[in-house]
Amino acid sequence: MSTRIVALFNLKPGVTTDQYEQWARTVDMPTVRALRSIAGFEVLRTTGTLGSDAAPPYQYIEIIDVADMGQFGADVATQAMQEIAAAFQGMVDVTFILTERV
């Protein structure tokens, strides 16, 4: 059974959308998508709040479909992934939510 991780986040002060999105396109997305444990990975920029003029509470959402959580643990423990995680944490304030189908 696969697990979907939803990451909700905002950029830290001083980090521009161009900086983050360039890094996401060239480093984060290709690296994460290449992990053996990953069935799918999307990064979404929020554009509004339905039915309201209010700004969304989060600037970005990541959806990570993990095919094998045991393998995912091994994948994220590698030096390369630790460096990517550190870079990500340096740019964003994030909450990771584990989900399962109802």
Protein backbone atom coordinates (compact mmCIF):
# COMPACT_ATOMS: atom_id res chain seq x y z
CA MET A 1 0.00 0.00 0.00
CA SER A 2 1.40 3.36 -0.98
CA THR A 3 1.58 6.44 1.22
CA ARG A 4 0.98 9.98 0.06
CA ILE A 5 2.91 12.73 1.81
CA VAL A 6 1.54 16.24 1.46
CA ALA A 7 3.97 19.07 2.20
CA LEU A 8 2.50 22.53 2.81
CA PHE A 9 5.00 25.37 2.85
CA ASN A 10 5.90 29.01 2.51
CA LEU A 11 9.21 30.48 1.47
CA LYS A 12 11.40 31.89 4.21
CA PRO A 13 12.02 35.64 4.23
CA GLY A 14 14.65 36.58 1.68
CA VAL A 15 14.00 33.55 -0.57
CA THR A 16 12.45 34.57 -3.90
CA THR A 17 10.03 32.49 -5.93
CA ASP A 18 12.57 32.49 -8.77
CA GLN A 19 15.31 31.10 -6.49
CA TYR A 20 13.10 28.38 -5.06
CA GLU A 21 11.44 27.36 -8.33
CA GLN A 22 14.75 27.19 -10.23
CA TRP A 23 16.15 24.93 -7.50
CA ALA A 24 12.95 22.84 -7.44
CA ARG A 25 13.00 22.30 -11.22
CA THR A 26 16.71 21.55 -11.56
CA VAL A 27 17.57 19.77 -8.30
CA ASP A 28 14.62 18.72 -6.14
CA MET A 29 12.13 17.33 -8.64
CA PRO A 30 14.56 15.31 -10.80
CA THR A 31 16.35 13.88 -7.76
CA VAL A 32 13.22 12.91 -5.83
CA ARG A 33 11.52 11.47 -8.91
CA ALA A 34 14.56 9.25 -9.50
CA LEU A 35 14.35 7.61 -6.04
CA ARG A 36 13.39 3.93 -6.14
CA SER A 37 10.73 4.46 -3.47
CA ILE A 38 8.86 7.24 -5.28
CA ALA A 39 5.79 6.53 -7.42
CA GLY A 40 5.09 10.21 -8.10
CA PHE A 41 6.16 13.70 -7.09
CA GLU A 42 4.56 17.05 -7.86
CA VAL A 43 5.29 20.59 -6.74
CA LEU A 44 2.36 22.99 -7.00
CA ARG A 45 2.31 26.77 -6.63
CA THR A 46 -0.93 27.99 -5.05
CA THR A 47 -2.86 30.62 -7.00
CA GLY A 48 -5.83 31.53 -4.84
CA THR A 49 -8.47 30.50 -2.36
CA LEU A 50 -11.72 29.26 -3.88
CA GLY A 51 -14.62 31.62 -3.23
CA SER A 52 -12.45 34.26 -1.57
CA ASP A 53 -10.03 37.06 -2.33
CA ALA A 54 -7.91 35.97 0.64
CA ALA A 55 -4.38 34.78 -0.03
CA PRO A 56 -3.87 31.02 0.37
CA PRO A 57 -2.30 30.06 3.71
CA TYR A 58 0.53 28.30 1.85
CA GLN A 59 2.52 29.36 -1.22
CA TYR A 60 3.37 25.82 -2.32
CA ILE A 61 2.21 22.23 -1.97
CA GLU A 62 4.23 19.10 -2.66
CA ILE A 63 2.53 15.77 -3.22
CA ILE A 64 4.88 12.83 -2.78
CA ASP A 65 3.56 9.35 -3.59
CA VAL A 66 5.71 6.80 -1.81
CA ALA A 67 5.46 3.25 -3.11
CA ASP A 68 7.60 1.73 -0.35
CA MET A 69 8.08 3.51 2.99
CA GLY A 70 10.93 1.19 4.01
CA GLN A 71 12.82 2.01 0.83
CA PHE A 72 11.90 5.70 1.26
CA GLY A 73 13.62 5.69 4.65
CA ALA A 74 16.75 4.26 3.03
CA ASP A 75 16.53 6.70 0.12
CA VAL A 76 16.26 9.82 2.28
CA ALA A 77 19.14 8.66 4.50
CA THR A 78 21.66 9.00 1.66
CA GLN A 79 24.14 11.87 1.67
CA ALA A 80 22.67 13.31 -1.54
CA MET A 81 19.15 13.39 -0.11
CA GLN A 82 20.36 14.81 3.19
CA GLU A 83 21.92 17.70 1.25
CA ILE A 84 18.70 18.27 -0.70
CA ALA A 85 16.63 18.14 2.50
CA ALA A 86 18.95 20.68 4.14
CA ALA A 87 18.71 23.02 1.15
CA PHE A 88 14.91 22.68 1.15
CA GLN A 89 14.68 23.36 4.90
CA GLY A 90 16.89 26.41 4.42
CA MET A 91 14.44 27.89 1.92
CA VAL A 92 11.04 27.02 3.38
CA ASP A 93 8.91 26.66 6.49
CA VAL A 94 7.20 23.30 5.90
CA THR A 95 4.71 20.91 7.42
CA PHE A 96 4.74 17.29 6.15
CA ILE A 97 1.46 15.38 6.47
CA LEU A 98 1.21 11.59 6.04
CA THR A 99 -2.04 10.45 4.44
CA GLU A 100 -3.89 7.31 3.46
CA ARG A 101 -6.94 6.66 1.29
CA VAL A 102 -10.33 6.52 2.95
